[in-house]
Amino acid sequence: MEEYHNPNEGSFNAEEADTIVKECIENIIGGTDYSQNQVNKWTASIVERCLAQLVKQGKAYKYIVTCAVMQKTGAGLHSANSCYWDTSMDGSCTVRWENRTMYCIVSVFAVGV
């Protein structure tokens, strides 16, 4: 008898989320230079597209996505997060992406439902 595997079972796949986030960033700001006038649009588009792609997988998670875009000026940027949750199911990943003129940091938090 064939064993049934529920795709909604198991822990959060951070590698899969990492790939989704990188594709979203590349599609939205990949080849462009930093522009103060575009940052709000870019960050909104990145979080919306990441969220849509994650939800499309049909897994039993609630997602939280954050995005920061920063111009490369030589200034420092430090960031941290901490979560109190079920480590066997829930998870997170943070992607640091950069091009010639800017940095983009996206964090995804997945909480099982």
PDB file of N, CA and C in Angstrom:
ATOM      1  N   MET A   1       0.841  -1.182   0.000  1.00  0.00           N
ATOM      2  CA  MET A   1       0.000   0.000   0.000  1.00  0.00           C
ATOM      3  C   MET A   1       0.887   1.247   0.000  1.00  0.00           C
ATOM      4  N   GLU A   2       0.521   2.217  -0.813  1.00  0.00           N
ATOM      5  CA  GLU A   2       1.307   3.439  -0.935  1.00  0.00           C
ATOM      6  C   GLU A   2       1.097   4.341   0.276  1.00  0.00           C
ATOM      7  N   GLU A   3       2.196   4.888   0.779  1.00  0.00           N
ATOM      8  CA  GLU A   3       2.121   5.767   1.946  1.00  0.00           C
ATOM      9  C   GLU A   3       1.761   7.183   1.494  1.00  0.00           C
ATOM     10  N   TYR A   4       0.801   7.772   2.171  1.00  0.00           N
ATOM     11  CA  TYR A   4       0.384   9.138   1.843  1.00  0.00           C
ATOM     12  C   TYR A   4       1.234  10.126   2.616  1.00  0.00           C
ATOM     13  N   HIS A   5       1.781  11.101   1.895  1.00  0.00           N
ATOM     14  CA  HIS A   5       2.573  12.136   2.559  1.00  0.00           C
ATOM     15  C   HIS A   5       1.852  13.471   2.400  1.00  0.00           C
ATOM     16  N   ASN A   6       1.501  14.074   3.498  1.00  0.00           N
ATOM     17  CA  ASN A   6       0.842  15.379   3.488  1.00  0.00           C
ATOM     18  C   ASN A   6       1.898  16.457   3.276  1.00  0.00           C
ATOM     19  N   PRO A   7       1.803  17.242   2.164  1.00  0.00           N
ATOM     20  CA  PRO A   7       2.810  18.275   1.914  1.00  0.00           C
ATOM     21  C   PRO A   7       2.805  19.389   2.965  1.00  0.00           C
ATOM     22  N   ASN A   8       1.756  19.472   3.762  1.00  0.00           N
ATOM     23  CA  ASN A   8       1.677  20.508   4.788  1.00  0.00           C
ATOM     24  C   ASN A   8       2.397  20.105   6.071  1.00  0.00           C
ATOM     25  N   GLU A   9       2.840  18.849   6.137  1.00  0.00           N
ATOM     26  CA  GLU A   9       3.524  18.392   7.332  1.00  0.00           C
ATOM     27  C   GLU A   9       5.015  18.678   7.221  1.00  0.00           C
ATOM     28  N   GLY A  10       5.669  18.736   8.347  1.00  0.00           N
ATOM     29  CA  GLY A  10       7.107  18.939   8.356  1.00  0.00           C
ATOM     30  C   GLY A  10       7.457  20.361   8.707  1.00  0.00           C
ATOM     31  N   SER A  11       8.736  20.578   8.859  1.00  0.00           N
ATOM     32  CA  SER A  11       9.186  21.892   9.311  1.00  0.00           C
ATOM     33  C   SER A  11       9.338  22.865   8.142  1.00  0.00           C
ATOM     34  N   PHE A  12       9.473  24.104   8.470  1.00  0.00           N
ATOM     35  CA  PHE A  12       9.646  25.181   7.488  1.00  0.00           C
ATOM     36  C   PHE A  12      10.906  24.942   6.673  1.00  0.00           C
ATOM     37  N   ASN A  13      10.799  25.077   5.367  1.00  0.00           N
ATOM     38  CA  ASN A  13      11.938  24.873   4.478  1.00  0.00           C
ATOM     39  C   ASN A  13      12.592  26.223   4.175  1.00  0.00           C
ATOM     40  N   ALA A  14      13.628  26.552   4.928  1.00  0.00           N
ATOM     41  CA  ALA A  14      14.288  27.852   4.794  1.00  0.00           C
ATOM     42  C   ALA A  14      14.989  28.002   3.443  1.00  0.00           C
ATOM     43  N   GLU A  15      15.530  26.912   2.908  1.00  0.00           N
ATOM     44  CA  GLU A  15      16.214  26.984   1.612  1.00  0.00           C
ATOM     45  C   GLU A  15      15.240  27.346   0.496  1.00  0.00           C
ATOM     46  N   GLU A  16      14.065  26.751   0.542  1.00  0.00           N
ATOM     47  CA  GLU A  16      13.024  27.041  -0.447  1.00  0.00           C
ATOM     48  C   GLU A  16      12.604  28.510  -0.356  1.00  0.00           C
ATOM     49  N   ALA A  17      12.407  28.993   0.854  1.00  0.00           N
ATOM     50  CA  ALA A  17      12.021  30.393   1.066  1.00  0.00           C
ATOM     51  C   ALA A  17      13.136  31.323   0.593  1.00  0.00           C
ATOM     52  N   ASP A  18      14.364  30.962   0.858  1.00  0.00           N
ATOM     53  CA  ASP A  18      15.527  31.742   0.432  1.00  0.00           C
ATOM     54  C   ASP A  18      15.523  31.925  -1.092  1.00  0.00           C
ATOM     55  N   THR A  19      15.270  30.850  -1.820  1.00  0.00           N
ATOM     56  CA  THR A  19      15.222  30.894  -3.283  1.00  0.00           C
ATOM     57  C   THR A  19      14.090  31.796  -3.768  1.00  0.00           C
ATOM     58  N   ILE A  20      12.928  31.679  -3.154  1.00  0.00           N
ATOM     59  CA  ILE A  20      11.775  32.509  -3.515  1.00  0.00           C
ATOM     60  C   ILE A  20      12.101  33.980  -3.309  1.00  0.00           C
ATOM     61  N   VAL A  21      12.669  34.310  -2.160  1.00  0.00           N
ATOM     62  CA  VAL A  21      12.986  35.705  -1.836  1.00  0.00           C
ATOM     63  C   VAL A  21      14.002  36.273  -2.821  1.00  0.00           C
ATOM     64  N   LYS A  22      15.059  35.519  -3.113  1.00  0.00           N
ATOM     65  CA  LYS A  22      16.079  36.003  -4.050  1.00  0.00           C
ATOM     66  C   LYS A  22      15.484  36.275  -5.425  1.00  0.00           C
ATOM     67  N   GLU A  23      14.606  35.391  -5.895  1.00  0.00           N
ATOM     68  CA  GLU A  23      13.958  35.590  -7.197  1.00  0.00           C
ATOM     69  C   GLU A  23      13.100  36.854  -7.183  1.00  0.00           C
ATOM     70  N   CYS A  24      12.370  37.076  -6.114  1.00  0.00           N
ATOM     71  CA  CYS A  24      11.522  38.270  -6.004  1.00  0.00           C
ATOM     72  C   CYS A  24      12.364  39.543  -6.036  1.00  0.00           C
ATOM     73  N   ILE A  25      13.442  39.568  -5.270  1.00  0.00           N
ATOM     74  CA  ILE A  25      14.314  40.745  -5.235  1.00  0.00           C
ATOM     75  C   ILE A  25      14.894  41.005  -6.627  1.00  0.00           C
ATOM     76  N   GLU A  26      15.434  39.956  -7.238  1.00  0.00           N
ATOM     77  CA  GLU A  26      16.036  40.094  -8.572  1.00  0.00           C
ATOM     78  C   GLU A  26      15.029  40.642  -9.583  1.00  0.00           C
ATOM     79  N   ASN A  27      13.798  40.121  -9.536  1.00  0.00           N
ATOM     80  CA  ASN A  27      12.772  40.556 -10.483  1.00  0.00           C
ATOM     81  C   ASN A  27      12.379  42.012 -10.292  1.00  0.00           C
ATOM     82  N   ILE A  28      12.458  42.511  -9.079  1.00  0.00           N
ATOM     83  CA  ILE A  28      11.983  43.865  -8.797  1.00  0.00           C
ATOM     84  C   ILE A  28      13.096  44.901  -8.875  1.00  0.00           C
ATOM     85  N   ILE A  29      14.262  44.626  -8.291  1.00  0.00           N
ATOM     86  CA  ILE A  29      15.317  45.650  -8.290  1.00  0.00           C
ATOM     87  C   ILE A  29      16.645  45.159  -8.846  1.00  0.00           C
ATOM     88  N   GLY A  30      16.674  43.965  -9.403  1.00  0.00           N
ATOM     89  CA  GLY A  30      17.917  43.346  -9.854  1.00  0.00           C
ATOM     90  C   GLY A  30      18.881  44.235 -10.611  1.00  0.00           C
ATOM     91  N   GLY A  31      18.426  44.842 -11.685  1.00  0.00           N
ATOM     92  CA  GLY A  31      19.345  45.584 -12.535  1.00  0.00           C
ATOM     93  C   GLY A  31      19.307  47.085 -12.367  1.00  0.00           C
ATOM     94  N   THR A  32      18.654  47.570 -11.331  1.00  0.00           N
ATOM     95  CA  THR A  32      18.466  49.015 -11.193  1.00  0.00           C
ATOM     96  C   THR A  32      19.444  49.614 -10.193  1.00  0.00           C
ATOM     97  N   ASP A  33      19.616  50.919 -10.285  1.00  0.00           N
ATOM     98  CA  ASP A  33      20.426  51.662  -9.320  1.00  0.00           C
ATOM     99  C   ASP A  33      19.515  52.213  -8.236  1.00  0.00           C
ATOM    100  N   TYR A  34      20.083  52.447  -7.059  1.00  0.00           N
ATOM    101  CA  TYR A  34      19.327  52.999  -5.940  1.00  0.00           C
ATOM    102  C   TYR A  34      18.655  54.316  -6.343  1.00  0.00           C
ATOM    103  N   SER A  35      17.403  54.451  -5.950  1.00  0.00           N
ATOM    104  CA  SER A  35      16.655  55.684  -6.193  1.00  0.00           C
ATOM    105  C   SER A  35      15.743  55.944  -5.002  1.00  0.00           C
ATOM    106  N   GLN A  36      15.981  57.042  -4.312  1.00  0.00           N
ATOM    107  CA  GLN A  36      15.178  57.396  -3.140  1.00  0.00           C
ATOM    108  C   GLN A  36      13.680  57.423  -3.473  1.00  0.00           C
ATOM    109  N   ASN A  37      13.355  57.887  -4.665  1.00  0.00           N
ATOM    110  CA  ASN A  37      11.948  57.991  -5.079  1.00  0.00           C
ATOM    111  C   ASN A  37      11.273  56.641  -5.284  1.00  0.00           C
ATOM    112  N   GLN A  38      12.065  55.599  -5.483  1.00  0.00           N
ATOM    113  CA  GLN A  38      11.507  54.271  -5.772  1.00  0.00           C
ATOM    114  C   GLN A  38      11.486  53.318  -4.572  1.00  0.00           C
ATOM    115  N   VAL A  39      12.188  53.666  -3.503  1.00  0.00           N
ATOM    116  CA  VAL A  39      12.374  52.726  -2.388  1.00  0.00           C
ATOM    117  C   VAL A  39      11.057  52.236  -1.793  1.00  0.00           C
ATOM    118  N   ASN A  40      10.119  53.128  -1.546  1.00  0.00           N
ATOM    119  CA  ASN A  40       8.842  52.698  -0.956  1.00  0.00           C
ATOM    120  C   ASN A  40       8.112  51.718  -1.862  1.00  0.00           C
ATOM    121  N   LYS A  41       8.124  51.990  -3.150  1.00  0.00           N
ATOM    122  CA  LYS A  41       7.480  51.098  -4.115  1.00  0.00           C
ATOM    123  C   LYS A  41       8.190  49.748  -4.155  1.00  0.00           C
ATOM    124  N   TRP A  42       9.523  49.782  -4.165  1.00  0.00           N
ATOM    125  CA  TRP A  42      10.293  48.538  -4.215  1.00  0.00           C
ATOM    126  C   TRP A  42      10.041  47.667  -2.992  1.00  0.00           C
ATOM    127  N   THR A  43      10.128  48.266  -1.807  1.00  0.00           N
ATOM    128  CA  THR A  43       9.960  47.461  -0.590  1.00  0.00           C
ATOM    129  C   THR A  43       8.556  46.865  -0.523  1.00  0.00           C
ATOM    130  N   ALA A  44       7.536  47.652  -0.880  1.00  0.00           N
ATOM    131  CA  ALA A  44       6.159  47.140  -0.882  1.00  0.00           C
ATOM    132  C   ALA A  44       6.009  46.004  -1.891  1.00  0.00           C
ATOM    133  N   SER A  45       6.578  46.178  -3.075  1.00  0.00           N
ATOM    134  CA  SER A  45       6.486  45.142  -4.115  1.00  0.00           C
ATOM    135  C   SER A  45       7.203  43.867  -3.700  1.00  0.00           C
ATOM    136  N   ILE A  46       8.363  44.010  -3.083  1.00  0.00           N
ATOM    137  CA  ILE A  46       9.134  42.834  -2.660  1.00  0.00           C
ATOM    138  C   ILE A  46       8.370  42.037  -1.608  1.00  0.00           C
ATOM    139  N   VAL A  47       7.850  42.709  -0.571  1.00  0.00           N
ATOM    140  CA  VAL A  47       7.142  41.955   0.473  1.00  0.00           C
ATOM    141  C   VAL A  47       5.855  41.333  -0.072  1.00  0.00           C
ATOM    142  N   GLU A  48       5.144  42.051  -0.936  1.00  0.00           N
ATOM    143  CA  GLU A  48       3.900  41.510  -1.501  1.00  0.00           C
ATOM    144  C   GLU A  48       4.173  40.301  -2.385  1.00  0.00           C
ATOM    145  N   ARG A  49       5.204  40.398  -3.240  1.00  0.00           N
ATOM    146  CA  ARG A  49       5.510  39.275  -4.132  1.00  0.00           C
ATOM    147  C   ARG A  49       6.030  38.078  -3.357  1.00  0.00           C
ATOM    148  N   CYS A  50       6.898  38.313  -2.372  1.00  0.00           N
ATOM    149  CA  CYS A  50       7.391  37.204  -1.543  1.00  0.00           C
ATOM    150  C   CYS A  50       6.236  36.497  -0.847  1.00  0.00           C
ATOM    151  N   LEU A  51       5.362  37.282  -0.254  1.00  0.00           N
ATOM    152  CA  LEU A  51       4.209  36.731   0.454  1.00  0.00           C
ATOM    153  C   LEU A  51       3.333  35.914  -0.485  1.00  0.00           C
ATOM    154  N   ALA A  52       3.047  36.449  -1.664  1.00  0.00           N
ATOM    155  CA  ALA A  52       2.207  35.744  -2.638  1.00  0.00           C
ATOM    156  C   ALA A  52       2.847  34.419  -3.054  1.00  0.00           C
ATOM    157  N   GLN A  53       4.164  34.426  -3.296  1.00  0.00           N
ATOM    158  CA  GLN A  53       4.859  33.207  -3.719  1.00  0.00           C
ATOM    159  C   GLN A  53       4.907  32.173  -2.594  1.00  0.00           C
ATOM    160  N   LEU A  54       5.085  32.617  -1.371  1.00  0.00           N
ATOM    161  CA  LEU A  54       5.108  31.695  -0.234  1.00  0.00           C
ATOM    162  C   LEU A  54       3.731  31.070  -0.019  1.00  0.00           C
ATOM    163  N   VAL A  55       2.692  31.888  -0.055  1.00  0.00           N
ATOM    164  CA  VAL A  55       1.325  31.402   0.157  1.00  0.00           C
ATOM    165  C   VAL A  55       0.922  30.431  -0.954  1.00  0.00           C
ATOM    166  N   LYS A  56       1.389  30.702  -2.173  1.00  0.00           N
ATOM    167  CA  LYS A  56       1.069  29.865  -3.331  1.00  0.00           C
ATOM    168  C   LYS A  56       1.511  28.414  -3.140  1.00  0.00           C
ATOM    169  N   GLN A  57       2.485  28.189  -2.262  1.00  0.00           N
ATOM    170  CA  GLN A  57       2.958  26.829  -1.996  1.00  0.00           C
ATOM    171  C   GLN A  57       1.915  25.978  -1.274  1.00  0.00           C
ATOM    172  N   GLY A  58       0.930  26.635  -0.688  1.00  0.00           N
ATOM    173  CA  GLY A  58      -0.155  25.912  -0.043  1.00  0.00           C
ATOM    174  C   GLY A  58       0.209  25.209   1.252  1.00  0.00           C
ATOM    175  N   LYS A  59       1.216  25.693   1.945  1.00  0.00           N
ATOM    176  CA  LYS A  59       1.612  25.075   3.204  1.00  0.00           C
ATOM    177  C   LYS A  59       0.887  25.745   4.370  1.00  0.00           C
ATOM    178  N   ALA A  60       0.764  25.009   5.464  1.00  0.00           N
ATOM    179  CA  ALA A  60      -0.015  25.482   6.613  1.00  0.00           C
ATOM    180  C   ALA A  60       0.803  26.431   7.489  1.00  0.00           C
ATOM    181  N   TYR A  61       1.062  27.623   6.955  1.00  0.00           N
ATOM    182  CA  TYR A  61       1.826  28.630   7.689  1.00  0.00           C
ATOM    183  C   TYR A  61       1.185  29.997   7.560  1.00  0.00           C
ATOM    184  N   LYS A  62       1.378  30.782   8.606  1.00  0.00           N
ATOM    185  CA  LYS A  62       1.158  32.228   8.522  1.00  0.00           C
ATOM    186  C   LYS A  62       2.535  32.812   8.294  1.00  0.00           C
ATOM    187  N   TYR A  63       2.625  33.802   7.409  1.00  0.00           N
ATOM    188  CA  TYR A  63       3.925  34.382   7.082  1.00  0.00           C
ATOM    189  C   TYR A  63       3.997  35.852   7.465  1.00  0.00           C
ATOM    190  N   ILE A  64       5.170  36.257   7.887  1.00  0.00           N
ATOM    191  CA  ILE A  64       5.482  37.664   8.115  1.00  0.00           C
ATOM    192  C   ILE A  64       6.727  37.937   7.275  1.00  0.00           C
ATOM    193  N   VAL A  65       6.687  38.987   6.447  1.00  0.00           N
ATOM    194  CA  VAL A  65       7.819  39.314   5.588  1.00  0.00           C
ATOM    195  C   VAL A  65       8.201  40.770   5.828  1.00  0.00           C
ATOM    196  N   THR A  66       9.485  41.030   6.056  1.00  0.00           N
ATOM    197  CA  THR A  66       9.971  42.396   6.202  1.00  0.00           C
ATOM    198  C   THR A  66      11.044  42.652   5.148  1.00  0.00           C
ATOM    199  N   CYS A  67      11.184  43.917   4.774  1.00  0.00           N
ATOM    200  CA  CYS A  67      12.168  44.269   3.761  1.00  0.00           C
ATOM    201  C   CYS A  67      12.776  45.632   4.085  1.00  0.00           C
ATOM    202  N   ALA A  68      14.086  45.722   3.962  1.00  0.00           N
ATOM    203  CA  ALA A  68      14.787  46.997   4.106  1.00  0.00           C
ATOM    204  C   ALA A  68      15.689  47.176   2.897  1.00  0.00           C
ATOM    205  N   VAL A  69      15.658  48.360   2.310  1.00  0.00           N
ATOM    206  CA  VAL A  69      16.549  48.705   1.201  1.00  0.00           C
ATOM    207  C   VAL A  69      17.382  49.886   1.657  1.00  0.00           C
ATOM    208  N   MET A  70      18.701  49.786   1.453  1.00  0.00           N
ATOM    209  CA  MET A  70      19.603  50.831   1.915  1.00  0.00           C
ATOM    210  C   MET A  70      20.620  51.147   0.824  1.00  0.00           C
ATOM    211  N   GLN A  71      20.821  52.417   0.591  1.00  0.00           N
ATOM    212  CA  GLN A  71      21.818  52.853  -0.384  1.00  0.00           C
ATOM    213  C   GLN A  71      23.212  52.530   0.138  1.00  0.00           C
ATOM    214  N   LYS A  72      24.097  52.102  -0.766  1.00  0.00           N
ATOM    215  CA  LYS A  72      25.492  51.849  -0.389  1.00  0.00           C
ATOM    216  C   LYS A  72      26.214  53.175  -0.263  1.00  0.00           C
ATOM    217  N   THR A  73      26.511  53.544   0.985  1.00  0.00           N
ATOM    218  CA  THR A  73      27.219  54.805   1.225  1.00  0.00           C
ATOM    219  C   THR A  73      28.427  54.585   2.129  1.00  0.00           C
ATOM    220  N   GLY A  74      28.628  53.356   2.557  1.00  0.00           N
ATOM    221  CA  GLY A  74      29.708  53.074   3.492  1.00  0.00           C
ATOM    222  C   GLY A  74      29.238  53.059   4.932  1.00  0.00           C
ATOM    223  N   ALA A  75      27.972  53.424   5.162  1.00  0.00           N
ATOM    224  CA  ALA A  75      27.424  53.404   6.524  1.00  0.00           C
ATOM    225  C   ALA A  75      27.170  51.966   6.958  1.00  0.00           C
ATOM    226  N   GLY A  76      27.140  51.733   8.247  1.00  0.00           N
ATOM    227  CA  GLY A  76      26.884  50.400   8.783  1.00  0.00           C
ATOM    228  C   GLY A  76      25.397  50.156   8.973  1.00  0.00           C
ATOM    229  N   LEU A  77      25.010  48.905   8.899  1.00  0.00           N
ATOM    230  CA  LEU A  77      23.634  48.512   9.181  1.00  0.00           C
ATOM    231  C   LEU A  77      23.690  47.216   9.981  1.00  0.00           C
ATOM    232  N   HIS A  78      23.083  47.228  11.145  1.00  0.00           N
ATOM    233  CA  HIS A  78      23.039  46.038  11.986  1.00  0.00           C
ATOM    234  C   HIS A  78      21.585  45.710  12.256  1.00  0.00           C
ATOM    235  N   SER A  79      21.266  44.425  12.231  1.00  0.00           N
ATOM    236  CA  SER A  79      19.887  44.011  12.395  1.00  0.00           C
ATOM    237  C   SER A  79      19.874  42.685  13.135  1.00  0.00           C
ATOM    238  N   ALA A  80      18.835  42.449  13.914  1.00  0.00           N
ATOM    239  CA  ALA A  80      18.692  41.183  14.630  1.00  0.00           C
ATOM    240  C   ALA A  80      17.213  40.895  14.819  1.00  0.00           C
ATOM    241  N   ASN A  81      16.884  39.620  14.992  1.00  0.00           N
ATOM    242  CA  ASN A  81      15.520  39.255  15.365  1.00  0.00           C
ATOM    243  C   ASN A  81      15.573  38.041  16.268  1.00  0.00           C
ATOM    244  N   SER A  82      14.534  37.866  17.028  1.00  0.00           N
ATOM    245  CA  SER A  82      14.439  36.747  17.944  1.00  0.00           C
ATOM    246  C   SER A  82      12.997  36.279  17.976  1.00  0.00           C
ATOM    247  N   CYS A  83      12.802  34.975  18.062  1.00  0.00           N
ATOM    248  CA  CYS A  83      11.444  34.425  18.042  1.00  0.00           C
ATOM    249  C   CYS A  83      11.269  33.406  19.159  1.00  0.00           C
ATOM    250  N   TYR A  84      10.107  33.422  19.761  1.00  0.00           N
ATOM    251  CA  TYR A  84       9.743  32.423  20.758  1.00  0.00           C
ATOM    252  C   TYR A  84       8.620  31.612  20.144  1.00  0.00           C
ATOM    253  N   TRP A  85       8.948  30.394  19.672  1.00  0.00           N
ATOM    254  CA  TRP A  85       7.966  29.599  18.949  1.00  0.00           C
ATOM    255  C   TRP A  85       8.338  28.133  18.963  1.00  0.00           C
ATOM    256  N   ASP A  86       7.601  27.332  18.205  1.00  0.00           N
ATOM    257  CA  ASP A  86       7.822  25.893  18.108  1.00  0.00           C
ATOM    258  C   ASP A  86       8.890  25.632  17.052  1.00  0.00           C
ATOM    259  N   THR A  87      10.112  25.392  17.478  1.00  0.00           N
ATOM    260  CA  THR A  87      11.217  25.231  16.533  1.00  0.00           C
ATOM    261  C   THR A  87      11.099  23.990  15.652  1.00  0.00           C
ATOM    262  N   SER A  88      10.233  23.041  16.009  1.00  0.00           N
ATOM    263  CA  SER A  88      10.074  21.850  15.172  1.00  0.00           C
ATOM    264  C   SER A  88       9.220  22.150  13.933  1.00  0.00           C
ATOM    265  N   MET A  89       8.389  23.183  13.988  1.00  0.00           N
ATOM    266  CA  MET A  89       7.520  23.526  12.858  1.00  0.00           C
ATOM    267  C   MET A  89       7.834  24.913  12.284  1.00  0.00           C
ATOM    268  N   ASP A  90       7.949  25.890  13.163  1.00  0.00           N
ATOM    269  CA  ASP A  90       8.113  27.273  12.727  1.00  0.00           C
ATOM    270  C   ASP A  90       9.548  27.540  12.295  1.00  0.00           C
ATOM    271  N   GLY A  91       9.734  28.604  11.538  1.00  0.00           N
ATOM    272  CA  GLY A  91      11.086  28.918  11.116  1.00  0.00           C
ATOM    273  C   GLY A  91      11.188  30.284  10.487  1.00  0.00           C
ATOM    274  N   SER A  92      12.416  30.657  10.160  1.00  0.00           N
ATOM    275  CA  SER A  92      12.642  31.949   9.526  1.00  0.00           C
ATOM    276  C   SER A  92      13.857  31.871   8.631  1.00  0.00           C
ATOM    277  N   CYS A  93      13.965  32.841   7.754  1.00  0.00           N
ATOM    278  CA  CYS A  93      15.183  32.980   6.966  1.00  0.00           C
ATOM    279  C   CYS A  93      15.371  34.458   6.661  1.00  0.00           C
ATOM    280  N   THR A  94      16.609  34.874   6.562  1.00  0.00           N
ATOM    281  CA  THR A  94      16.936  36.256   6.211  1.00  0.00           C
ATOM    282  C   THR A  94      17.859  36.227   5.011  1.00  0.00           C
ATOM    283  N   VAL A  95      17.508  37.020   4.002  1.00  0.00           N
ATOM    284  CA  VAL A  95      18.298  37.102   2.779  1.00  0.00           C
ATOM    285  C   VAL A  95      18.937  38.479   2.715  1.00  0.00           C
ATOM    286  N   ARG A  96      20.239  38.486   2.527  1.00  0.00           N
ATOM    287  CA  ARG A  96      20.975  39.743   2.318  1.00  0.00           C
ATOM    288  C   ARG A  96      21.403  39.758   0.869  1.00  0.00           C
ATOM    289  N   TRP A  97      20.895  40.714   0.121  1.00  0.00           N
ATOM    290  CA  TRP A  97      21.162  40.829  -1.309  1.00  0.00           C
ATOM    291  C   TRP A  97      21.783  42.193  -1.564  1.00  0.00           C
ATOM    292  N   GLU A  98      22.669  42.266  -2.538  1.00  0.00           N
ATOM    293  CA  GLU A  98      23.239  43.567  -2.861  1.00  0.00           C
ATOM    294  C   GLU A  98      23.567  43.658  -4.337  1.00  0.00           C
ATOM    295  N   ASN A  99      23.589  44.880  -4.833  1.00  0.00           N
ATOM    296  CA  ASN A  99      24.134  45.145  -6.155  1.00  0.00           C
ATOM    297  C   ASN A  99      25.133  46.288  -6.003  1.00  0.00           C
ATOM    298  N   ARG A 100      25.458  46.943  -7.066  1.00  0.00           N
ATOM    299  CA  ARG A 100      26.494  47.973  -7.063  1.00  0.00           C
ATOM    300  C   ARG A 100      26.135  49.173  -6.188  1.00  0.00           C
ATOM    301  N   THR A 101      24.833  49.472  -6.052  1.00  0.00           N
ATOM    302  CA  THR A 101      24.424  50.720  -5.397  1.00  0.00           C
ATOM    303  C   THR A 101      23.589  50.562  -4.135  1.00  0.00           C
ATOM    304  N   MET A 102      23.144  49.341  -3.812  1.00  0.00           N
ATOM    305  CA  MET A 102      22.259  49.191  -2.646  1.00  0.00           C
ATOM    306  C   MET A 102      22.304  47.796  -2.046  1.00  0.00           C
ATOM    307  N   TYR A 103      21.814  47.744  -0.806  1.00  0.00           N
ATOM    308  CA  TYR A 103      21.611  46.494  -0.093  1.00  0.00           C
ATOM    309  C   TYR A 103      20.113  46.282   0.070  1.00  0.00           C
ATOM    310  N   CYS A 104      19.705  45.021   0.086  1.00  0.00           N
ATOM    311  CA  CYS A 104      18.314  44.681   0.375  1.00  0.00           C
ATOM    312  C   CYS A 104      18.336  43.521   1.365  1.00  0.00           C
ATOM    313  N   ILE A 105      17.661  43.688   2.478  1.00  0.00           N
ATOM    314  CA  ILE A 105      17.574  42.626   3.493  1.00  0.00           C
ATOM    315  C   ILE A 105      16.116  42.267   3.676  1.00  0.00           C
ATOM    316  N   VAL A 106      15.807  41.003   3.423  1.00  0.00           N
ATOM    317  CA  VAL A 106      14.426  40.506   3.562  1.00  0.00           C
ATOM    318  C   VAL A 106      14.432  39.385   4.584  1.00  0.00           C
ATOM    319  N   SER A 107      13.508  39.462   5.543  1.00  0.00           N
ATOM    320  CA  SER A 107      13.325  38.382   6.520  1.00  0.00           C
ATOM    321  C   SER A 107      11.938  37.789   6.335  1.00  0.00           C
ATOM    322  N   VAL A 108      11.878  36.450   6.426  1.00  0.00           N
ATOM    323  CA  VAL A 108      10.610  35.733   6.348  1.00  0.00           C
ATOM    324  C   VAL A 108      10.464  34.949   7.639  1.00  0.00           C
ATOM    325  N   PHE A 109       9.312  35.073   8.271  1.00  0.00           N
ATOM    326  CA  PHE A 109       8.978  34.319   9.469  1.00  0.00           C
ATOM    327  C   PHE A 109       7.772  33.457   9.133  1.00  0.00           C
ATOM    328  N   ALA A 110       7.864  32.171   9.394  1.00  0.00           N
ATOM    329  CA  ALA A 110       6.774  31.247   9.090  1.00  0.00           C
ATOM    330  C   ALA A 110       6.302  30.595  10.396  1.00  0.00           C
ATOM    331  N   VAL A 111       5.025  30.761  10.697  1.00  0.00           N
ATOM    332  CA  VAL A 111       4.450  30.236  11.925  1.00  0.00           C
ATOM    333  C   VAL A 111       3.362  29.240  11.555  1.00  0.00           C
ATOM    334  N   GLY A 112       3.528  27.994  11.971  1.00  0.00           N
ATOM    335  CA  GLY A 112       2.556  26.958  11.640  1.00  0.00           C
ATOM    336  C   GLY A 112       1.180  27.236  12.220  1.00  0.00           C
ATOM    337  N   VAL A 113       0.154  26.858  11.446  1.00  0.00           N
ATOM    338  CA  VAL A 113      -1.234  27.052  11.909  1.00  0.00           C
ATOM    339  C   VAL A 113      -1.872  25.733  12.246  1.00  0.00           C
TER     340      VAL A 113
END
